[in-house]
Amino acid sequence: GIASSEDDLLHPTGLKVQHIYASFNELLLHRKREDMAQPDFEGLQELEFPELHEQSVPMIGFLSACQKLMAIAGVGDFTMSDLIKPEARRVRRSLSAVINLAKYHEDKLPGYMQFSQETDALLNAKASLEEESERLLSARRQAEQRRAEEEPALQQMEAENE
């Protein structure tokens, strides 16, 4: 679960909401905070003083991941302020949307897992049938080649029998 208290919602802090949003990103989008915060080193090297951006670039990556999560949850106006200086009303609204998304995700997951397993089984069956088809085609080609090789001897035997 995601640890938080009523006080976290009534008096949210940047660190606490960042932890909560990171947890939801990991739970729903399967992205860890470390992965979201990885800077694009090529782009970072283009900056005149890259060391000045070592903290801001990971935060921008995290913001982008949170905005993606919020957009999926139906919150289209999520900003850096929601991470750094959160307001209780906006935190409640954002978390409500994400919790609804999590409930939807949880409700649909069993059906998805069933379809996923059925798809895997069908793909395995298809692969087996393709292997069998290739084996049979190879056997047919070998039989046709043997027949072509034996054809002159067969014709000679038929000519002798006439």
N, C-alpha and C. Protein backbone atom coordinates (compact mmCIF):
# COMPACT_ATOMS: atom_id res chain seq x y z
N GLY A 1 0.80 -1.18 0.00
CA GLY A 1 0.00 0.00 0.00
C GLY A 1 0.86 1.26 0.00
N ILE A 2 0.18 2.36 -0.08
CA ILE A 2 0.85 3.65 -0.09
C ILE A 2 0.58 4.31 1.26
N ALA A 3 1.66 4.52 2.02
CA ALA A 3 1.52 5.05 3.38
C ALA A 3 1.30 6.56 3.35
N SER A 4 0.20 6.96 3.99
CA SER A 4 -0.07 8.39 4.16
C SER A 4 -1.09 8.53 5.29
N SER A 5 -1.16 9.73 5.82
CA SER A 5 -2.09 9.98 6.92
C SER A 5 -3.06 11.08 6.52
N GLU A 6 -4.06 11.27 7.37
CA GLU A 6 -5.03 12.34 7.13
C GLU A 6 -4.32 13.69 7.14
N ASP A 7 -3.33 13.82 8.00
CA ASP A 7 -2.56 15.07 8.08
C ASP A 7 -1.81 15.34 6.77
N ASP A 8 -1.36 14.27 6.12
CA ASP A 8 -0.67 14.43 4.82
C ASP A 8 -1.59 15.06 3.78
N LEU A 9 -2.88 14.79 3.92
CA LEU A 9 -3.85 15.35 2.97
C LEU A 9 -4.31 16.74 3.38
N LEU A 10 -4.43 16.96 4.68
CA LEU A 10 -4.88 18.27 5.16
C LEU A 10 -3.77 19.33 5.10
N HIS A 11 -2.54 18.89 5.34
CA HIS A 11 -1.38 19.79 5.32
C HIS A 11 -0.27 19.15 4.49
N PRO A 12 -0.47 19.07 3.18
CA PRO A 12 0.50 18.37 2.34
C PRO A 12 1.83 19.11 2.22
N THR A 13 2.90 18.34 2.14
CA THR A 13 4.23 18.91 1.89
C THR A 13 4.73 18.37 0.55
N GLY A 14 5.65 19.08 -0.02
CA GLY A 14 6.20 18.66 -1.30
C GLY A 14 6.79 17.27 -1.26
N LEU A 15 7.59 16.98 -0.24
CA LEU A 15 8.23 15.67 -0.14
C LEU A 15 7.21 14.54 0.00
N LYS A 16 6.19 14.78 0.82
CA LYS A 16 5.20 13.73 1.05
C LYS A 16 4.39 13.45 -0.22
N VAL A 17 3.91 14.49 -0.90
CA VAL A 17 3.12 14.24 -2.11
C VAL A 17 4.00 13.66 -3.22
N GLN A 18 5.27 14.04 -3.25
CA GLN A 18 6.17 13.44 -4.24
C GLN A 18 6.30 11.95 -4.00
N HIS A 19 6.41 11.57 -2.74
CA HIS A 19 6.48 10.14 -2.39
C HIS A 19 5.19 9.41 -2.81
N ILE A 20 4.05 10.04 -2.54
CA ILE A 20 2.76 9.43 -2.88
C ILE A 20 2.63 9.29 -4.39
N TYR A 21 2.93 10.36 -5.14
CA TYR A 21 2.82 10.30 -6.60
C TYR A 21 3.82 9.31 -7.19
N ALA A 22 5.01 9.22 -6.61
CA ALA A 22 6.00 8.25 -7.08
C ALA A 22 5.47 6.83 -6.87
N SER A 23 4.82 6.60 -5.74
CA SER A 23 4.26 5.28 -5.45
C SER A 23 3.16 4.92 -6.45
N PHE A 24 2.29 5.89 -6.77
CA PHE A 24 1.24 5.62 -7.75
C PHE A 24 1.83 5.41 -9.16
N ASN A 25 2.88 6.14 -9.50
CA ASN A 25 3.54 5.93 -10.79
C ASN A 25 4.09 4.51 -10.88
N GLU A 26 4.69 4.06 -9.79
CA GLU A 26 5.25 2.71 -9.79
C GLU A 26 4.14 1.66 -9.85
N LEU A 27 3.08 1.88 -9.08
CA LEU A 27 1.97 0.93 -9.02
C LEU A 27 1.22 0.83 -10.35
N LEU A 28 0.91 1.98 -10.94
CA LEU A 28 0.04 1.98 -12.12
C LEU A 28 0.79 2.00 -13.46
N LEU A 29 1.93 2.67 -13.50
CA LEU A 29 2.67 2.78 -14.75
C LEU A 29 3.95 1.95 -14.74
N HIS A 30 4.23 1.30 -13.61
CA HIS A 30 5.41 0.44 -13.47
C HIS A 30 6.71 1.20 -13.75
N ARG A 31 6.77 2.44 -13.26
CA ARG A 31 7.97 3.26 -13.42
C ARG A 31 8.47 3.67 -12.04
N LYS A 32 9.69 3.32 -11.74
CA LYS A 32 10.30 3.67 -10.46
C LYS A 32 10.77 5.12 -10.49
N ARG A 33 10.82 5.73 -9.33
CA ARG A 33 11.24 7.14 -9.22
C ARG A 33 12.63 7.33 -9.81
N GLU A 34 13.53 6.37 -9.54
CA GLU A 34 14.89 6.49 -10.07
C GLU A 34 14.89 6.54 -11.60
N ASP A 35 14.02 5.72 -12.21
CA ASP A 35 13.94 5.70 -13.68
C ASP A 35 13.35 7.00 -14.22
N MET A 36 12.34 7.52 -13.52
CA MET A 36 11.70 8.76 -13.97
C MET A 36 12.67 9.93 -13.85
N ALA A 37 13.58 9.86 -12.90
CA ALA A 37 14.47 10.99 -12.63
C ALA A 37 15.78 10.92 -13.42
N GLN A 38 15.94 9.90 -14.26
CA GLN A 38 17.17 9.80 -15.03
C GLN A 38 17.23 10.91 -16.07
N PRO A 39 18.27 11.74 -16.01
CA PRO A 39 18.38 12.80 -17.00
C PRO A 39 18.87 12.27 -18.34
N ASP A 40 18.56 12.98 -19.38
CA ASP A 40 19.07 12.69 -20.71
C ASP A 40 20.48 13.26 -20.75
N PHE A 41 21.47 12.39 -20.57
CA PHE A 41 22.85 12.86 -20.43
C PHE A 41 23.35 13.60 -21.67
N GLU A 42 22.88 13.20 -22.85
CA GLU A 42 23.29 13.91 -24.06
C GLU A 42 22.82 15.35 -24.00
N GLY A 43 21.56 15.54 -23.65
CA GLY A 43 21.02 16.89 -23.55
C GLY A 43 21.67 17.67 -22.43
N LEU A 44 21.96 17.00 -21.33
CA LEU A 44 22.58 17.66 -20.18
C LEU A 44 23.96 18.19 -20.55
N GLN A 45 24.70 17.47 -21.37
CA GLN A 45 26.04 17.89 -21.76
C GLN A 45 26.01 19.10 -22.69
N GLU A 46 24.88 19.33 -23.34
CA GLU A 46 24.75 20.48 -24.23
C GLU A 46 24.65 21.80 -23.46
N LEU A 47 24.28 21.71 -22.20
CA LEU A 47 24.14 22.92 -21.38
C LEU A 47 25.52 23.48 -21.04
N GLU A 48 25.59 24.79 -20.93
CA GLU A 48 26.87 25.43 -20.65
C GLU A 48 27.41 25.02 -19.28
N PHE A 49 26.54 24.94 -18.27
CA PHE A 49 26.94 24.54 -16.93
C PHE A 49 26.04 23.40 -16.47
N PRO A 50 26.29 22.17 -16.94
CA PRO A 50 25.39 21.05 -16.61
C PRO A 50 25.25 20.78 -15.12
N GLU A 51 26.28 21.10 -14.35
CA GLU A 51 26.21 20.84 -12.91
C GLU A 51 25.12 21.67 -12.23
N LEU A 52 24.73 22.78 -12.86
CA LEU A 52 23.67 23.62 -12.29
C LEU A 52 22.29 22.96 -12.42
N HIS A 53 22.19 21.97 -13.30
CA HIS A 53 20.89 21.35 -13.60
C HIS A 53 20.78 19.93 -13.08
N GLU A 54 21.75 19.49 -12.28
CA GLU A 54 21.74 18.10 -11.79
C GLU A 54 20.52 17.78 -10.95
N GLN A 55 19.93 18.78 -10.30
CA GLN A 55 18.73 18.53 -9.50
C GLN A 55 17.46 18.86 -10.27
N SER A 56 17.52 19.87 -11.12
CA SER A 56 16.30 20.28 -11.83
C SER A 56 15.91 19.29 -12.93
N VAL A 57 16.89 18.71 -13.61
CA VAL A 57 16.57 17.79 -14.71
C VAL A 57 15.83 16.55 -14.20
N PRO A 58 16.29 15.90 -13.12
CA PRO A 58 15.51 14.76 -12.61
C PRO A 58 14.10 15.16 -12.17
N MET A 59 13.96 16.37 -11.60
CA MET A 59 12.64 16.82 -11.17
C MET A 59 11.72 17.02 -12.37
N ILE A 60 12.28 17.52 -13.48
CA ILE A 60 11.48 17.69 -14.70
C ILE A 60 11.03 16.33 -15.21
N GLY A 61 11.92 15.34 -15.16
CA GLY A 61 11.54 13.98 -15.57
C GLY A 61 10.44 13.41 -14.70
N PHE A 62 10.54 13.65 -13.41
CA PHE A 62 9.51 13.17 -12.48
C PHE A 62 8.19 13.89 -12.74
N LEU A 63 8.25 15.21 -12.96
CA LEU A 63 7.05 15.97 -13.27
C LEU A 63 6.38 15.42 -14.53
N SER A 64 7.18 15.15 -15.54
CA SER A 64 6.63 14.62 -16.79
C SER A 64 5.91 13.29 -16.56
N ALA A 65 6.51 12.41 -15.77
CA ALA A 65 5.88 11.13 -15.46
C ALA A 65 4.58 11.33 -14.67
N CYS A 66 4.60 12.27 -13.72
CA CYS A 66 3.39 12.56 -12.94
C CYS A 66 2.30 13.16 -13.82
N GLN A 67 2.68 14.03 -14.74
CA GLN A 67 1.69 14.61 -15.65
C GLN A 67 1.07 13.54 -16.55
N LYS A 68 1.88 12.57 -16.96
CA LYS A 68 1.34 11.47 -17.76
C LYS A 68 0.33 10.67 -16.95
N LEU A 69 0.69 10.35 -15.72
CA LEU A 69 -0.22 9.63 -14.83
C LEU A 69 -1.51 10.42 -14.63
N MET A 70 -1.38 11.70 -14.34
CA MET A 70 -2.54 12.54 -14.09
C MET A 70 -3.42 12.67 -15.34
N ALA A 71 -2.80 12.78 -16.50
CA ALA A 71 -3.57 12.86 -17.74
C ALA A 71 -4.40 11.59 -17.93
N ILE A 72 -3.80 10.44 -17.64
CA ILE A 72 -4.54 9.17 -17.74
C ILE A 72 -5.69 9.15 -16.74
N ALA A 73 -5.45 9.74 -15.57
CA ALA A 73 -6.49 9.77 -14.52
C ALA A 73 -7.53 10.86 -14.76
N GLY A 74 -7.29 11.73 -15.75
CA GLY A 74 -8.26 12.77 -16.08
C GLY A 74 -7.96 14.14 -15.48
N VAL A 75 -6.76 14.31 -14.94
CA VAL A 75 -6.36 15.61 -14.39
C VAL A 75 -5.40 16.24 -15.40
N GLY A 76 -5.87 17.25 -16.09
CA GLY A 76 -5.09 17.83 -17.17
C GLY A 76 -4.28 19.06 -16.80
N ASP A 77 -4.38 19.51 -15.56
CA ASP A 77 -3.70 20.76 -15.20
C ASP A 77 -2.67 20.57 -14.08
N PHE A 78 -2.04 19.41 -14.06
CA PHE A 78 -1.04 19.11 -13.03
C PHE A 78 0.25 19.85 -13.37
N THR A 79 0.80 20.58 -12.38
CA THR A 79 1.99 21.41 -12.63
C THR A 79 3.07 21.15 -11.58
N MET A 80 4.20 21.79 -11.78
CA MET A 80 5.30 21.69 -10.83
C MET A 80 4.87 22.13 -9.44
N SER A 81 3.98 23.12 -9.35
CA SER A 81 3.49 23.58 -8.04
C SER A 81 2.83 22.46 -7.26
N ASP A 82 2.19 21.53 -7.96
CA ASP A 82 1.54 20.41 -7.29
C ASP A 82 2.55 19.48 -6.63
N LEU A 83 3.80 19.54 -7.08
CA LEU A 83 4.85 18.71 -6.49
C LEU A 83 5.66 19.46 -5.43
N ILE A 84 5.85 20.75 -5.65
CA ILE A 84 6.74 21.52 -4.77
C ILE A 84 5.98 22.22 -3.65
N LYS A 85 4.85 22.84 -4.01
CA LYS A 85 4.07 23.59 -3.03
C LYS A 85 2.60 23.17 -3.16
N PRO A 86 2.30 21.94 -2.73
CA PRO A 86 0.95 21.41 -2.94
C PRO A 86 -0.11 22.10 -2.08
N GLU A 87 -1.30 22.24 -2.65
CA GLU A 87 -2.46 22.77 -1.94
C GLU A 87 -3.38 21.60 -1.62
N ALA A 88 -3.91 21.59 -0.43
CA ALA A 88 -4.73 20.47 0.04
C ALA A 88 -5.87 20.15 -0.93
N ARG A 89 -6.55 21.18 -1.42
CA ARG A 89 -7.69 20.97 -2.32
C ARG A 89 -7.25 20.26 -3.60
N ARG A 90 -6.14 20.71 -4.19
CA ARG A 90 -5.66 20.11 -5.44
C ARG A 90 -5.10 18.70 -5.19
N VAL A 91 -4.48 18.50 -4.04
CA VAL A 91 -3.96 17.17 -3.72
C VAL A 91 -5.12 16.19 -3.60
N ARG A 92 -6.18 16.59 -2.90
CA ARG A 92 -7.37 15.74 -2.75
C ARG A 92 -7.96 15.40 -4.12
N ARG A 93 -8.08 16.41 -4.97
CA ARG A 93 -8.65 16.20 -6.30
C ARG A 93 -7.78 15.25 -7.12
N SER A 94 -6.47 15.47 -7.12
CA SER A 94 -5.55 14.64 -7.88
C SER A 94 -5.53 13.21 -7.36
N LEU A 95 -5.43 13.07 -6.04
CA LEU A 95 -5.41 11.72 -5.47
C LEU A 95 -6.72 10.99 -5.67
N SER A 96 -7.82 11.70 -5.62
CA SER A 96 -9.11 11.08 -5.89
C SER A 96 -9.15 10.51 -7.31
N ALA A 97 -8.66 11.29 -8.26
CA ALA A 97 -8.63 10.83 -9.65
C ALA A 97 -7.72 9.61 -9.80
N VAL A 98 -6.56 9.65 -9.16
CA VAL A 98 -5.61 8.54 -9.27
C VAL A 98 -6.15 7.30 -8.55
N ILE A 99 -6.80 7.48 -7.42
CA ILE A 99 -7.39 6.34 -6.71
C ILE A 99 -8.49 5.71 -7.56
N ASN A 100 -9.31 6.54 -8.20
CA ASN A 100 -10.33 5.99 -9.11
C ASN A 100 -9.68 5.21 -10.25
N LEU A 101 -8.58 5.73 -10.78
CA LEU A 101 -7.86 5.02 -11.83
C LEU A 101 -7.32 3.69 -11.29
N ALA A 102 -6.78 3.72 -10.08
CA ALA A 102 -6.25 2.49 -9.47
C ALA A 102 -7.35 1.45 -9.27
N LYS A 103 -8.53 1.90 -8.83
CA LYS A 103 -9.66 0.98 -8.65
C LYS A 103 -10.09 0.40 -10.00
N TYR A 104 -10.15 1.23 -11.02
CA TYR A 104 -10.49 0.77 -12.37
C TYR A 104 -9.45 -0.25 -12.84
N HIS A 105 -8.20 0.09 -12.62
CA HIS A 105 -7.09 -0.79 -13.01
C HIS A 105 -7.23 -2.14 -12.31
N GLU A 106 -7.53 -2.09 -11.01
CA GLU A 106 -7.68 -3.31 -10.21
C GLU A 106 -8.87 -4.14 -10.68
N ASP A 107 -9.97 -3.47 -11.05
CA ASP A 107 -11.15 -4.18 -11.53
C ASP A 107 -10.89 -4.85 -12.87
N LYS A 108 -10.14 -4.20 -13.73
CA LYS A 108 -9.91 -4.72 -15.09
C LYS A 108 -8.74 -5.69 -15.17
N LEU A 109 -7.86 -5.68 -14.18
CA LEU A 109 -6.66 -6.50 -14.22
C LEU A 109 -6.95 -8.00 -14.35
N PRO A 110 -7.90 -8.57 -13.61
CA PRO A 110 -8.15 -10.01 -13.77
C PRO A 110 -8.56 -10.37 -15.21
N GLY A 111 -9.42 -9.57 -15.81
CA GLY A 111 -9.82 -9.83 -17.20
C GLY A 111 -8.65 -9.70 -18.15
N TYR A 112 -7.84 -8.69 -17.90
CA TYR A 112 -6.64 -8.50 -18.73
C TYR A 112 -5.71 -9.70 -18.59
N MET A 113 -5.51 -10.15 -17.36
CA MET A 113 -4.62 -11.29 -17.12
C MET A 113 -5.16 -12.54 -17.83
N GLN A 114 -6.48 -12.73 -17.78
CA GLN A 114 -7.07 -13.89 -18.46
C GLN A 114 -6.83 -13.81 -19.96
N PHE A 115 -7.09 -12.64 -20.56
CA PHE A 115 -6.87 -12.48 -21.99
C PHE A 115 -5.39 -12.61 -22.33
N SER A 116 -4.55 -12.12 -21.46
CA SER A 116 -3.11 -12.21 -21.67
C SER A 116 -2.67 -13.67 -21.66
N GLN A 117 -3.17 -14.44 -20.71
CA GLN A 117 -2.83 -15.86 -20.64
C GLN A 117 -3.36 -16.62 -21.85
N GLU A 118 -4.59 -16.30 -22.26
CA GLU A 118 -5.16 -16.94 -23.44
C GLU A 118 -4.34 -16.59 -24.69
N THR A 119 -3.93 -15.34 -24.78
CA THR A 119 -3.11 -14.91 -25.92
C THR A 119 -1.79 -15.64 -25.93
N ASP A 120 -1.16 -15.76 -24.76
CA ASP A 120 0.11 -16.49 -24.67
C ASP A 120 -0.08 -17.95 -25.11
N ALA A 121 -1.17 -18.58 -24.65
CA ALA A 121 -1.43 -19.97 -25.02
C ALA A 121 -1.64 -20.10 -26.53
N LEU A 122 -2.39 -19.15 -27.11
CA LEU A 122 -2.62 -19.19 -28.55
C LEU A 122 -1.33 -18.95 -29.34
N LEU A 123 -0.50 -18.05 -28.85
CA LEU A 123 0.78 -17.80 -29.52
C LEU A 123 1.69 -19.03 -29.44
N ASN A 124 1.68 -19.71 -28.30
CA ASN A 124 2.46 -20.95 -28.17
C ASN A 124 1.93 -22.03 -29.11
N ALA A 125 0.60 -22.15 -29.18
CA ALA A 125 0.00 -23.13 -30.08
C ALA A 125 0.34 -22.80 -31.53
N LYS A 126 0.29 -21.52 -31.89
CA LYS A 126 0.63 -21.10 -33.24
C LYS A 126 2.08 -21.45 -33.57
N ALA A 127 2.97 -21.18 -32.63
CA ALA A 127 4.39 -21.48 -32.85
C ALA A 127 4.58 -22.98 -33.04
N SER A 128 3.90 -23.80 -32.24
CA SER A 128 4.00 -25.25 -32.39
C SER A 128 3.48 -25.71 -33.74
N LEU A 129 2.36 -25.14 -34.16
CA LEU A 129 1.79 -25.50 -35.46
C LEU A 129 2.70 -25.06 -36.60
N GLU A 130 3.32 -23.89 -36.46
CA GLU A 130 4.25 -23.43 -37.49
C GLU A 130 5.47 -24.35 -37.57
N GLU A 131 5.97 -24.80 -36.42
CA GLU A 131 7.09 -25.74 -36.41
C GLU A 131 6.68 -27.06 -37.07
N GLU A 132 5.50 -27.56 -36.73
CA GLU A 132 5.01 -28.80 -37.32
C GLU A 132 4.83 -28.65 -38.83
N SER A 133 4.29 -27.51 -39.25
CA SER A 133 4.11 -27.24 -40.68
C SER A 133 5.45 -27.23 -41.39
N GLU A 134 6.43 -26.59 -40.80
CA GLU A 134 7.77 -26.53 -41.40
C GLU A 134 8.38 -27.93 -41.48
N ARG A 135 8.19 -28.73 -40.43
CA ARG A 135 8.70 -30.10 -40.43
C ARG A 135 8.06 -30.92 -41.53
N LEU A 136 6.73 -30.78 -41.67
CA LEU A 136 6.01 -31.52 -42.72
C LEU A 136 6.42 -31.05 -44.12
N LEU A 137 6.59 -29.75 -44.30
CA LEU A 137 7.03 -29.23 -45.60
C LEU A 137 8.42 -29.74 -45.94
N SER A 138 9.29 -29.80 -44.96
CA SER A 138 10.64 -30.31 -45.17
C SER A 138 10.59 -31.79 -45.55
N ALA A 139 9.77 -32.57 -44.87
CA ALA A 139 9.62 -33.99 -45.19
C ALA A 139 9.06 -34.17 -46.59
N ARG A 140 8.11 -33.33 -46.96
CA ARG A 140 7.53 -33.39 -48.32
C ARG A 140 8.59 -33.08 -49.37
N ARG A 141 9.38 -32.04 -49.13
CA ARG A 141 10.44 -31.69 -50.09
C ARG A 141 11.45 -32.83 -50.23
N GLN A 142 11.80 -33.46 -49.11
CA GLN A 142 12.73 -34.59 -49.16
C GLN A 142 12.14 -35.75 -49.95
N ALA A 143 10.85 -36.03 -49.72
CA ALA A 143 10.19 -37.12 -50.45
C ALA A 143 10.13 -36.81 -51.94
N GLU A 144 9.83 -35.55 -52.29
CA GLU A 144 9.79 -35.17 -53.71
C GLU A 144 11.18 -35.28 -54.34
N GLN A 145 12.20 -34.92 -53.57
CA GLN A 145 13.57 -35.01 -54.10
C GLN A 145 13.96 -36.47 -54.32
N ARG A 146 13.60 -37.35 -53.35
CA ARG A 146 13.90 -38.78 -53.51
C ARG A 146 13.17 -39.33 -54.73
N ARG A 147 11.92 -38.92 -54.90
CA ARG A 147 11.14 -39.41 -56.05
C ARG A 147 11.78 -38.95 -57.35
N ALA A 148 12.22 -37.68 -57.40
CA ALA A 148 12.87 -37.17 -58.60
C ALA A 148 14.17 -37.93 -58.87
N GLU A 149 14.89 -38.28 -57.81
CA GLU A 149 16.13 -39.03 -57.98
C GLU A 149 15.87 -40.45 -58.45
N GLU A 150 14.74 -41.04 -58.02
CA GLU A 150 14.41 -42.42 -58.38
C GLU A 150 13.65 -42.52 -59.70
N GLU A 151 13.19 -41.41 -60.23
CA GLU A 151 12.39 -41.39 -61.46
C GLU A 151 13.09 -42.06 -62.64
N PRO A 152 14.37 -41.75 -62.92
CA PRO A 152 15.01 -42.42 -64.06
C PRO A 152 15.04 -43.96 -63.91
N ALA A 153 15.32 -44.45 -62.72
CA ALA A 153 15.35 -45.90 -62.51
C ALA A 153 13.96 -46.48 -62.70
N LEU A 154 12.92 -45.77 -62.23
CA LEU A 154 11.54 -46.22 -62.40
C LEU A 154 11.17 -46.31 -63.85
N GLN A 155 11.54 -45.30 -64.64
CA GLN A 155 11.25 -45.29 -66.08
C GLN A 155 11.99 -46.43 -66.77
N GLN A 156 13.21 -46.72 -66.33
CA GLN A 156 13.97 -47.80 -66.95
C GLN A 156 13.30 -49.14 -66.66
N MET A 157 12.82 -49.33 -65.44
CA MET A 157 12.13 -50.58 -65.07
C MET A 157 10.84 -50.74 -65.88
N GLU A 158 10.09 -49.61 -66.02
CA GLU A 158 8.87 -49.68 -66.79
C GLU A 158 9.16 -50.02 -68.25
N ALA A 159 10.24 -49.47 -68.79
CA ALA A 159 10.60 -49.75 -70.19
C ALA A 159 10.99 -51.22 -70.35
N GLU A 160 11.66 -51.79 -69.36
CA GLU A 160 12.05 -53.19 -69.43
C GLU A 160 10.86 -54.10 -69.31
N ASN A 161 9.83 -53.68 -68.60
CA ASN A 161 8.64 -54.51 -68.39
C ASN A 161 7.71 -54.47 -69.60
N GLU A 162 7.92 -53.57 -70.51
CA GLU A 162 7.00 -53.48 -71.65
C GLU A 162 7.29 -54.45 -72.69
